């Protein structure tokens, strides 16, 4: 079974509107346990809520979405990649590099 890493922007659009064009595809991925996220995507989503009740509801909804495991040297790899990009003139957010 394929794992599909779903970015925070897709989750945000999905939760904001049932008319989101990719909503049926994402719902199918969730039902088949193919939709995955990283810990940092989960943090982005939860920290963007406005009220405690919204936080708890989203936390409950996200509980069934598996997190991609991180290797022991994951954050060192993120640091190295960000360093490499910066030396070549590209500034990238830690969040974006970790998701990539």
PDB file of N, CA and C in Angstrom:
ATOM      1  N   UNK A   1       0.841  -1.175   0.000  1.00  0.00           N
ATOM      2  CA  UNK A   1       0.000   0.000   0.000  1.00  0.00           C
ATOM      3  C   UNK A   1       0.890   1.243   0.000  1.00  0.00           C
ATOM      4  N   UNK A   2       0.614   2.163  -0.892  1.00  0.00           N
ATOM      5  CA  UNK A   2       1.408   3.374  -1.012  1.00  0.00           C
ATOM      6  C   UNK A   2       1.118   4.345   0.128  1.00  0.00           C
ATOM      7  N   UNK A   3       2.166   5.042   0.546  1.00  0.00           N
ATOM      8  CA  UNK A   3       2.011   6.111   1.526  1.00  0.00           C
ATOM      9  C   UNK A   3       2.037   7.429   0.761  1.00  0.00           C
ATOM     10  N   UNK A   4       1.065   8.277   1.037  1.00  0.00           N
ATOM     11  CA  UNK A   4       0.999   9.580   0.379  1.00  0.00           C
ATOM     12  C   UNK A   4       1.174  10.649   1.448  1.00  0.00           C
ATOM     13  N   UNK A   5       2.264  11.408   1.336  1.00  0.00           N
ATOM     14  CA  UNK A   5       2.503  12.500   2.275  1.00  0.00           C
ATOM     15  C   UNK A   5       1.647  13.685   1.849  1.00  0.00           C
ATOM     16  N   UNK A   6       0.709  14.059   2.715  1.00  0.00           N
ATOM     17  CA  UNK A   6      -0.220  15.143   2.408  1.00  0.00           C
ATOM     18  C   UNK A   6       0.266  16.400   3.117  1.00  0.00           C
ATOM     19  N   UNK A   7       0.555  17.434   2.344  1.00  0.00           N
ATOM     20  CA  UNK A   7       1.080  18.684   2.880  1.00  0.00           C
ATOM     21  C   UNK A   7       0.018  19.439   3.672  1.00  0.00           C
ATOM     22  N   UNK A   8       0.482  20.295   4.563  1.00  0.00           N
ATOM     23  CA  UNK A   8      -0.441  21.062   5.411  1.00  0.00           C
ATOM     24  C   UNK A   8      -1.404  21.914   4.593  1.00  0.00           C
ATOM     25  N   UNK A   9      -0.954  22.460   3.476  1.00  0.00           N
ATOM     26  CA  UNK A   9      -1.843  23.302   2.659  1.00  0.00           C
ATOM     27  C   UNK A   9      -3.037  22.503   2.135  1.00  0.00           C
ATOM     28  N   UNK A  10      -2.833  21.239   1.817  1.00  0.00           N
ATOM     29  CA  UNK A  10      -3.933  20.391   1.337  1.00  0.00           C
ATOM     30  C   UNK A  10      -4.899  20.091   2.473  1.00  0.00           C
ATOM     31  N   UNK A  11      -4.348  19.773   3.653  1.00  0.00           N
ATOM     32  CA  UNK A  11      -5.209  19.520   4.813  1.00  0.00           C
ATOM     33  C   UNK A  11      -6.042  20.757   5.146  1.00  0.00           C
ATOM     34  N   UNK A  12      -5.410  21.923   5.113  1.00  0.00           N
ATOM     35  CA  UNK A  12      -6.121  23.166   5.440  1.00  0.00           C
ATOM     36  C   UNK A  12      -7.282  23.375   4.483  1.00  0.00           C
ATOM     37  N   UNK A  13      -7.034  23.244   3.187  1.00  0.00           N
ATOM     38  CA  UNK A  13      -8.118  23.395   2.200  1.00  0.00           C
ATOM     39  C   UNK A  13      -9.209  22.352   2.414  1.00  0.00           C
ATOM     40  N   UNK A  14      -8.806  21.131   2.743  1.00  0.00           N
ATOM     41  CA  UNK A  14      -9.755  20.043   2.971  1.00  0.00           C
ATOM     42  C   UNK A  14     -10.675  20.351   4.146  1.00  0.00           C
ATOM     43  N   UNK A  15     -10.107  20.821   5.258  1.00  0.00           N
ATOM     44  CA  UNK A  15     -10.918  21.102   6.442  1.00  0.00           C
ATOM     45  C   UNK A  15     -11.735  22.384   6.304  1.00  0.00           C
ATOM     46  N   UNK A  16     -11.309  23.297   5.464  1.00  0.00           N
ATOM     47  CA  UNK A  16     -12.044  24.554   5.280  1.00  0.00           C
ATOM     48  C   UNK A  16     -13.282  24.404   4.422  1.00  0.00           C
ATOM     49  N   UNK A  17     -13.234  23.505   3.428  1.00  0.00           N
ATOM     50  CA  UNK A  17     -14.354  23.441   2.497  1.00  0.00           C
ATOM     51  C   UNK A  17     -14.573  22.024   1.971  1.00  0.00           C
ATOM     52  N   UNK A  18     -15.803  21.585   2.039  1.00  0.00           N
ATOM     53  CA  UNK A  18     -16.141  20.277   1.479  1.00  0.00           C
ATOM     54  C   UNK A  18     -16.167  20.335  -0.047  1.00  0.00           C
ATOM     55  N   UNK A  19     -16.128  21.550  -0.589  1.00  0.00           N
ATOM     56  CA  UNK A  19     -16.127  21.725  -2.037  1.00  0.00           C
ATOM     57  C   UNK A  19     -14.706  21.807  -2.602  1.00  0.00           C
ATOM     58  N   UNK A  20     -13.714  21.581  -1.764  1.00  0.00           N
ATOM     59  CA  UNK A  20     -12.321  21.541  -2.182  1.00  0.00           C
ATOM     60  C   UNK A  20     -12.184  20.469  -3.264  1.00  0.00           C
ATOM     61  N   UNK A  21     -11.578  20.818  -4.389  1.00  0.00           N
ATOM     62  CA  UNK A  21     -11.524  19.921  -5.545  1.00  0.00           C
ATOM     63  C   UNK A  21     -10.914  18.554  -5.233  1.00  0.00           C
ATOM     64  N   UNK A  22      -9.930  18.514  -4.365  1.00  0.00           N
ATOM     65  CA  UNK A  22      -9.270  17.247  -4.052  1.00  0.00           C
ATOM     66  C   UNK A  22      -9.877  16.528  -2.842  1.00  0.00           C
ATOM     67  N   UNK A  23     -10.970  17.053  -2.307  1.00  0.00           N
ATOM     68  CA  UNK A  23     -11.593  16.456  -1.114  1.00  0.00           C
ATOM     69  C   UNK A  23     -11.936  14.977  -1.304  1.00  0.00           C
ATOM     70  N   UNK A  24     -12.538  14.577  -2.420  1.00  0.00           N
ATOM     71  CA  UNK A  24     -12.853  13.148  -2.579  1.00  0.00           C
ATOM     72  C   UNK A  24     -11.593  12.270  -2.604  1.00  0.00           C
ATOM     73  N   UNK A  25     -10.553  12.755  -3.257  1.00  0.00           N
ATOM     74  CA  UNK A  25      -9.298  11.988  -3.325  1.00  0.00           C
ATOM     75  C   UNK A  25      -8.673  11.861  -1.951  1.00  0.00           C
ATOM     76  N   UNK A  26      -8.625  12.962  -1.207  1.00  0.00           N
ATOM     77  CA  UNK A  26      -8.041  12.919   0.126  1.00  0.00           C
ATOM     78  C   UNK A  26      -8.877  12.040   1.058  1.00  0.00           C
ATOM     79  N   UNK A  27     -10.173  12.137   0.977  1.00  0.00           N
ATOM     80  CA  UNK A  27     -11.044  11.295   1.804  1.00  0.00           C
ATOM     81  C   UNK A  27     -10.790   9.813   1.512  1.00  0.00           C
ATOM     82  N   UNK A  28     -10.615   9.477   0.250  1.00  0.00           N
ATOM     83  CA  UNK A  28     -10.320   8.091  -0.137  1.00  0.00           C
ATOM     84  C   UNK A  28      -8.972   7.649   0.429  1.00  0.00           C
ATOM     85  N   UNK A  29      -7.973   8.519   0.367  1.00  0.00           N
ATOM     86  CA  UNK A  29      -6.657   8.196   0.922  1.00  0.00           C
ATOM     87  C   UNK A  29      -6.741   7.972   2.433  1.00  0.00           C
ATOM     88  N   UNK A  30      -7.516   8.808   3.111  1.00  0.00           N
ATOM     89  CA  UNK A  30      -7.674   8.669   4.566  1.00  0.00           C
ATOM     90  C   UNK A  30      -8.358   7.346   4.895  1.00  0.00           C
ATOM     91  N   UNK A  31      -9.440   7.039   4.192  1.00  0.00           N
ATOM     92  CA  UNK A  31     -10.174   5.788   4.446  1.00  0.00           C
ATOM     93  C   UNK A  31      -9.310   4.546   4.206  1.00  0.00           C
ATOM     94  N   UNK A  32      -8.391   4.620   3.247  1.00  0.00           N
ATOM     95  CA  UNK A  32      -7.550   3.462   2.917  1.00  0.00           C
ATOM     96  C   UNK A  32      -6.215   3.478   3.667  1.00  0.00           C
ATOM     97  N   UNK A  33      -6.094   4.389   4.640  1.00  0.00           N
ATOM     98  CA  UNK A  33      -4.864   4.522   5.440  1.00  0.00           C
ATOM     99  C   UNK A  33      -3.629   4.805   4.595  1.00  0.00           C
ATOM    100  N   UNK A  34      -3.815   5.512   3.496  1.00  0.00           N
ATOM    101  CA  UNK A  34      -2.695   5.881   2.636  1.00  0.00           C
ATOM    102  C   UNK A  34      -2.250   7.325   2.866  1.00  0.00           C
ATOM    103  N   UNK A  35      -3.077   8.132   3.513  1.00  0.00           N
ATOM    104  CA  UNK A  35      -2.724   9.527   3.800  1.00  0.00           C
ATOM    105  C   UNK A  35      -1.847   9.552   5.041  1.00  0.00           C
ATOM    106  N   UNK A  36      -0.694  10.137   4.911  1.00  0.00           N
ATOM    107  CA  UNK A  36       0.259  10.244   6.005  1.00  0.00           C
ATOM    108  C   UNK A  36       0.639  11.699   6.194  1.00  0.00           C
ATOM    109  N   UNK A  37       1.250  11.988   7.335  1.00  0.00           N
ATOM    110  CA  UNK A  37       1.768  13.333   7.576  1.00  0.00           C
ATOM    111  C   UNK A  37       3.049  13.214   8.387  1.00  0.00           C
ATOM    112  N   UNK A  38       3.769  14.296   8.461  1.00  0.00           N
ATOM    113  CA  UNK A  38       4.946  14.349   9.322  1.00  0.00           C
ATOM    114  C   UNK A  38       4.546  15.048  10.618  1.00  0.00           C
ATOM    115  N   UNK A  39       5.389  14.915  11.608  1.00  0.00           N
ATOM    116  CA  UNK A  39       5.113  15.578  12.882  1.00  0.00           C
ATOM    117  C   UNK A  39       5.020  17.085  12.701  1.00  0.00           C
ATOM    118  N   UNK A  40       5.859  17.640  11.852  1.00  0.00           N
ATOM    119  CA  UNK A  40       5.854  19.098  11.682  1.00  0.00           C
ATOM    120  C   UNK A  40       4.588  19.578  10.967  1.00  0.00           C
ATOM    121  N   UNK A  41       4.041  18.767  10.066  1.00  0.00           N
ATOM    122  CA  UNK A  41       2.762  19.112   9.427  1.00  0.00           C
ATOM    123  C   UNK A  41       1.664  19.113  10.485  1.00  0.00           C
ATOM    124  N   UNK A  42       1.689  18.121  11.354  1.00  0.00           N
ATOM    125  CA  UNK A  42       0.704  18.055  12.453  1.00  0.00           C
ATOM    126  C   UNK A  42       0.804  19.296  13.338  1.00  0.00           C
ATOM    127  N   UNK A  43       2.018  19.704  13.659  1.00  0.00           N
ATOM    128  CA  UNK A  43       2.233  20.910  14.468  1.00  0.00           C
ATOM    129  C   UNK A  43       1.684  22.137  13.751  1.00  0.00           C
ATOM    130  N   UNK A  44       1.965  22.262  12.462  1.00  0.00           N
ATOM    131  CA  UNK A  44       1.453  23.404  11.693  1.00  0.00           C
ATOM    132  C   UNK A  44      -0.069  23.468  11.758  1.00  0.00           C
ATOM    133  N   UNK A  45      -0.715  22.324  11.566  1.00  0.00           N
ATOM    134  CA  UNK A  45      -2.181  22.298  11.555  1.00  0.00           C
ATOM    135  C   UNK A  45      -2.763  22.638  12.922  1.00  0.00           C
ATOM    136  N   UNK A  46      -2.278  21.979  13.955  1.00  0.00           N
ATOM    137  CA  UNK A  46      -2.829  22.202  15.295  1.00  0.00           C
ATOM    138  C   UNK A  46      -2.554  23.606  15.809  1.00  0.00           C
ATOM    139  N   UNK A  47      -1.370  24.115  15.542  1.00  0.00           N
ATOM    140  CA  UNK A  47      -1.027  25.442  16.058  1.00  0.00           C
ATOM    141  C   UNK A  47      -1.760  26.558  15.317  1.00  0.00           C
ATOM    142  N   UNK A  48      -2.349  26.222  14.177  1.00  0.00           N
ATOM    143  CA  UNK A  48      -3.094  27.228  13.419  1.00  0.00           C
ATOM    144  C   UNK A  48      -4.552  27.353  13.816  1.00  0.00           C
ATOM    145  N   UNK A  49      -4.992  26.549  14.765  1.00  0.00           N
ATOM    146  CA  UNK A  49      -6.389  26.651  15.202  1.00  0.00           C
ATOM    147  C   UNK A  49      -6.574  27.915  16.042  1.00  0.00           C
ATOM    148  N   UNK A  50      -7.821  28.368  16.125  1.00  0.00           N
ATOM    149  CA  UNK A  50      -8.088  29.641  16.801  1.00  0.00           C
ATOM    150  C   UNK A  50      -8.604  29.495  18.226  1.00  0.00           C
ATOM    151  N   UNK A  51      -9.258  28.371  18.493  1.00  0.00           N
ATOM    152  CA  UNK A  51      -9.869  28.182  19.815  1.00  0.00           C
ATOM    153  C   UNK A  51      -9.550  26.789  20.336  1.00  0.00           C
ATOM    154  N   UNK A  52      -9.652  26.642  21.636  1.00  0.00           N
ATOM    155  CA  UNK A  52      -9.372  25.356  22.286  1.00  0.00           C
ATOM    156  C   UNK A  52     -10.258  24.238  21.731  1.00  0.00           C
ATOM    157  N   UNK A  53     -11.534  24.532  21.547  1.00  0.00           N
ATOM    158  CA  UNK A  53     -12.456  23.510  21.031  1.00  0.00           C
ATOM    159  C   UNK A  53     -12.049  23.075  19.620  1.00  0.00           C
ATOM    160  N   UNK A  54     -11.651  24.026  18.814  1.00  0.00           N
ATOM    161  CA  UNK A  54     -11.199  23.724  17.452  1.00  0.00           C
ATOM    162  C   UNK A  54      -9.929  22.875  17.498  1.00  0.00           C
ATOM    163  N   UNK A  55      -9.034  23.204  18.407  1.00  0.00           N
ATOM    164  CA  UNK A  55      -7.800  22.444  18.582  1.00  0.00           C
ATOM    165  C   UNK A  55      -8.128  20.994  18.931  1.00  0.00           C
ATOM    166  N   UNK A  56      -8.995  20.793  19.917  1.00  0.00           N
ATOM    167  CA  UNK A  56      -9.349  19.438  20.362  1.00  0.00           C
ATOM    168  C   UNK A  56     -10.031  18.638  19.249  1.00  0.00           C
ATOM    169  N   UNK A  57     -10.918  19.276  18.498  1.00  0.00           N
ATOM    170  CA  UNK A  57     -11.601  18.608  17.397  1.00  0.00           C
ATOM    171  C   UNK A  57     -10.594  18.177  16.329  1.00  0.00           C
ATOM    172  N   UNK A  58      -9.709  19.074  15.960  1.00  0.00           N
ATOM    173  CA  UNK A  58      -8.715  18.749  14.939  1.00  0.00           C
ATOM    174  C   UNK A  58      -7.750  17.681  15.445  1.00  0.00           C
ATOM    175  N   UNK A  59      -7.356  17.789  16.702  1.00  0.00           N
ATOM    176  CA  UNK A  59      -6.468  16.791  17.293  1.00  0.00           C
ATOM    177  C   UNK A  59      -7.115  15.401  17.210  1.00  0.00           C
ATOM    178  N   UNK A  60      -8.398  15.341  17.485  1.00  0.00           N
ATOM    179  CA  UNK A  60      -9.134  14.085  17.408  1.00  0.00           C
ATOM    180  C   UNK A  60      -9.186  13.559  15.973  1.00  0.00           C
ATOM    181  N   UNK A  61      -9.448  14.433  15.025  1.00  0.00           N
ATOM    182  CA  UNK A  61      -9.521  14.037  13.611  1.00  0.00           C
ATOM    183  C   UNK A  61      -8.172  13.556  13.083  1.00  0.00           C
ATOM    184  N   UNK A  62      -7.110  14.189  13.530  1.00  0.00           N
ATOM    185  CA  UNK A  62      -5.773  13.833  13.040  1.00  0.00           C
ATOM    186  C   UNK A  62      -5.203  12.592  13.711  1.00  0.00           C
ATOM    187  N   UNK A  63      -5.816  12.153  14.788  1.00  0.00           N
ATOM    188  CA  UNK A  63      -5.287  11.009  15.542  1.00  0.00           C
ATOM    189  C   UNK A  63      -5.172   9.747  14.689  1.00  0.00           C
ATOM    190  N   UNK A  64      -6.018   9.601  13.712  1.00  0.00           N
ATOM    191  CA  UNK A  64      -5.997   8.392  12.886  1.00  0.00           C
ATOM    192  C   UNK A  64      -5.020   8.490  11.711  1.00  0.00           C
ATOM    193  N   UNK A  65      -4.440   9.661  11.502  1.00  0.00           N
ATOM    194  CA  UNK A  65      -3.512   9.837  10.383  1.00  0.00           C
ATOM    195  C   UNK A  65      -2.109   9.450  10.853  1.00  0.00           C
ATOM    196  N   UNK A  66      -1.514   8.432  10.234  1.00  0.00           N
ATOM    197  CA  UNK A  66      -0.192   8.009  10.687  1.00  0.00           C
ATOM    198  C   UNK A  66       0.891   9.045  10.375  1.00  0.00           C
ATOM    199  N   UNK A  67       1.881   9.078  11.260  1.00  0.00           N
ATOM    200  CA  UNK A  67       3.034   9.958  11.076  1.00  0.00           C
ATOM    201  C   UNK A  67       4.169   9.180  10.427  1.00  0.00           C
ATOM    202  N   UNK A  68       4.800   9.792   9.434  1.00  0.00           N
ATOM    203  CA  UNK A  68       5.981   9.168   8.859  1.00  0.00           C
ATOM    204  C   UNK A  68       7.071   9.144   9.916  1.00  0.00           C
ATOM    205  N   UNK A  69       7.723   8.017  10.092  1.00  0.00           N
ATOM    206  CA  UNK A  69       8.786   7.953  11.103  1.00  0.00           C
ATOM    207  C   UNK A  69      10.002   8.750  10.656  1.00  0.00           C
ATOM    208  N   UNK A  70      10.718   9.275  11.626  1.00  0.00           N
ATOM    209  CA  UNK A  70      11.957  10.019  11.350  1.00  0.00           C
ATOM    210  C   UNK A  70      13.146   9.130  11.687  1.00  0.00           C
ATOM    211  N   UNK A  71      14.155   9.166  10.846  1.00  0.00           N
ATOM    212  CA  UNK A  71      15.381   8.442  11.144  1.00  0.00           C
ATOM    213  C   UNK A  71      16.126   9.158  12.261  1.00  0.00           C
ATOM    214  N   UNK A  72      17.066   8.474  12.880  1.00  0.00           N
ATOM    215  CA  UNK A  72      17.830   9.067  13.979  1.00  0.00           C
ATOM    216  C   UNK A  72      18.557  10.340  13.568  1.00  0.00           C
ATOM    217  N   UNK A  73      18.988  10.401  12.318  1.00  0.00           N
ATOM    218  CA  UNK A  73      19.739  11.576  11.868  1.00  0.00           C
ATOM    219  C   UNK A  73      18.900  12.537  11.021  1.00  0.00           C
ATOM    220  N   UNK A  74      17.576  12.418  11.132  1.00  0.00           N
ATOM    221  CA  UNK A  74      16.681  13.225  10.312  1.00  0.00           C
ATOM    222  C   UNK A  74      16.979  14.719  10.400  1.00  0.00           C
ATOM    223  N   UNK A  75      17.057  15.256  11.619  1.00  0.00           N
ATOM    224  CA  UNK A  75      17.247  16.701  11.773  1.00  0.00           C
ATOM    225  C   UNK A  75      18.637  17.130  11.326  1.00  0.00           C
ATOM    226  N   UNK A  76      19.619  16.258  11.425  1.00  0.00           N
ATOM    227  CA  UNK A  76      20.940  16.568  10.862  1.00  0.00           C
ATOM    228  C   UNK A  76      20.867  16.649   9.339  1.00  0.00           C
ATOM    229  N   UNK A  77      20.062  15.777   8.745  1.00  0.00           N
ATOM    230  CA  UNK A  77      19.872  15.826   7.286  1.00  0.00           C
ATOM    231  C   UNK A  77      19.168  17.112   6.871  1.00  0.00           C
ATOM    232  N   UNK A  78      18.185  17.527   7.653  1.00  0.00           N
ATOM    233  CA  UNK A  78      17.483  18.785   7.371  1.00  0.00           C
ATOM    234  C   UNK A  78      18.469  19.950   7.453  1.00  0.00           C
ATOM    235  N   UNK A  79      19.282  19.959   8.501  1.00  0.00           N
ATOM    236  CA  UNK A  79      20.273  21.030   8.663  1.00  0.00           C
ATOM    237  C   UNK A  79      21.255  21.047   7.503  1.00  0.00           C
ATOM    238  N   UNK A  80      21.725  19.882   7.099  1.00  0.00           N
ATOM    239  CA  UNK A  80      22.681  19.781   5.990  1.00  0.00           C
ATOM    240  C   UNK A  80      22.055  20.271   4.687  1.00  0.00           C
ATOM    241  N   UNK A  81      20.834  19.873   4.429  1.00  0.00           N
ATOM    242  CA  UNK A  81      20.159  20.295   3.201  1.00  0.00           C
ATOM    243  C   UNK A  81      19.937  21.807   3.192  1.00  0.00           C
ATOM    244  N   UNK A  82      19.531  22.348   4.329  1.00  0.00           N
ATOM    245  CA  UNK A  82      19.304  23.797   4.415  1.00  0.00           C
ATOM    246  C   UNK A  82      20.607  24.566   4.263  1.00  0.00           C
ATOM    247  N   UNK A  83      21.678  24.045   4.861  1.00  0.00           N
ATOM    248  CA  UNK A  83      23.010  24.634   4.709  1.00  0.00           C
ATOM    249  C   UNK A  83      23.414  24.630   3.235  1.00  0.00           C
ATOM    250  N   UNK A  84      23.242  23.487   2.578  1.00  0.00           N
ATOM    251  CA  UNK A  84      23.609  23.331   1.182  1.00  0.00           C
ATOM    252  C   UNK A  84      22.827  24.311   0.309  1.00  0.00           C
ATOM    253  N   UNK A  85      21.525  24.412   0.546  1.00  0.00           N
ATOM    254  CA  UNK A  85      20.698  25.353  -0.217  1.00  0.00           C
ATOM    255  C   UNK A  85      21.146  26.793  -0.009  1.00  0.00           C
ATOM    256  N   UNK A  86      21.421  27.168   1.233  1.00  0.00           N
ATOM    257  CA  UNK A  86      21.843  28.545   1.534  1.00  0.00           C
ATOM    258  C   UNK A  86      23.164  28.882   0.847  1.00  0.00           C
ATOM    259  N   UNK A  87      24.079  27.934   0.780  1.00  0.00           N
ATOM    260  CA  UNK A  87      25.361  28.174   0.121  1.00  0.00           C
ATOM    261  C   UNK A  87      25.183  28.395  -1.370  1.00  0.00           C
ATOM    262  N   UNK A  88      24.049  27.966  -1.890  1.00  0.00           N
ATOM    263  CA  UNK A  88      23.758  28.130  -3.310  1.00  0.00           C
ATOM    264  C   UNK A  88      22.747  29.247  -3.563  1.00  0.00           C
ATOM    265  N   UNK A  89      22.506  30.046  -2.526  1.00  0.00           N
ATOM    266  CA  UNK A  89      21.675  31.227  -2.691  1.00  0.00           C
ATOM    267  C   UNK A  89      20.179  31.039  -2.485  1.00  0.00           C
ATOM    268  N   UNK A  90      19.774  29.904  -1.971  1.00  0.00           N
ATOM    269  CA  UNK A  90      18.355  29.653  -1.735  1.00  0.00           C
ATOM    270  C   UNK A  90      18.079  29.544  -0.242  1.00  0.00           C
ATOM    271  N   UNK A  91      17.254  30.437   0.247  1.00  0.00           N
ATOM    272  CA  UNK A  91      16.848  30.373   1.658  1.00  0.00           C
ATOM    273  C   UNK A  91      15.553  29.569   1.742  1.00  0.00           C
ATOM    274  N   UNK A  92      15.552  28.591   2.595  1.00  0.00           N
ATOM    275  CA  UNK A  92      14.377  27.742   2.748  1.00  0.00           C
ATOM    276  C   UNK A  92      14.056  27.589   4.220  1.00  0.00           C
ATOM    277  N   UNK A  93      12.781  27.624   4.532  1.00  0.00           N
ATOM    278  CA  UNK A  93      12.346  27.467   5.928  1.00  0.00           C
ATOM    279  C   UNK A  93      12.622  26.045   6.397  1.00  0.00           C
ATOM    280  N   UNK A  94      12.973  25.910   7.665  1.00  0.00           N
ATOM    281  CA  UNK A  94      13.231  24.596   8.254  1.00  0.00           C
ATOM    282  C   UNK A  94      12.023  23.687   8.041  1.00  0.00           C
ATOM    283  N   UNK A  95      10.834  24.233   8.228  1.00  0.00           N
ATOM    284  CA  UNK A  95       9.610  23.458   8.046  1.00  0.00           C
ATOM    285  C   UNK A  95       9.536  22.886   6.632  1.00  0.00           C
ATOM    286  N   UNK A  96       9.766  23.726   5.631  1.00  0.00           N
ATOM    287  CA  UNK A  96       9.674  23.280   4.251  1.00  0.00           C
ATOM    288  C   UNK A  96      10.732  22.228   3.911  1.00  0.00           C
ATOM    289  N   UNK A  97      11.947  22.426   4.398  1.00  0.00           N
ATOM    290  CA  UNK A  97      13.014  21.453   4.128  1.00  0.00           C
ATOM    291  C   UNK A  97      12.690  20.129   4.810  1.00  0.00           C
ATOM    292  N   UNK A  98      12.156  20.177   6.021  1.00  0.00           N
ATOM    293  CA  UNK A  98      11.844  18.928   6.716  1.00  0.00           C
ATOM    294  C   UNK A  98      10.738  18.156   6.019  1.00  0.00           C
ATOM    295  N   UNK A  99       9.792  18.852   5.444  1.00  0.00           N
ATOM    296  CA  UNK A  99       8.711  18.176   4.718  1.00  0.00           C
ATOM    297  C   UNK A  99       9.243  17.620   3.394  1.00  0.00           C
ATOM    298  N   UNK A 100      10.072  18.398   2.734  1.00  0.00           N
ATOM    299  CA  UNK A 100      10.661  17.930   1.459  1.00  0.00           C
ATOM    300  C   UNK A 100      11.501  16.713   1.696  1.00  0.00           C
TER     301      UNK A 100
END
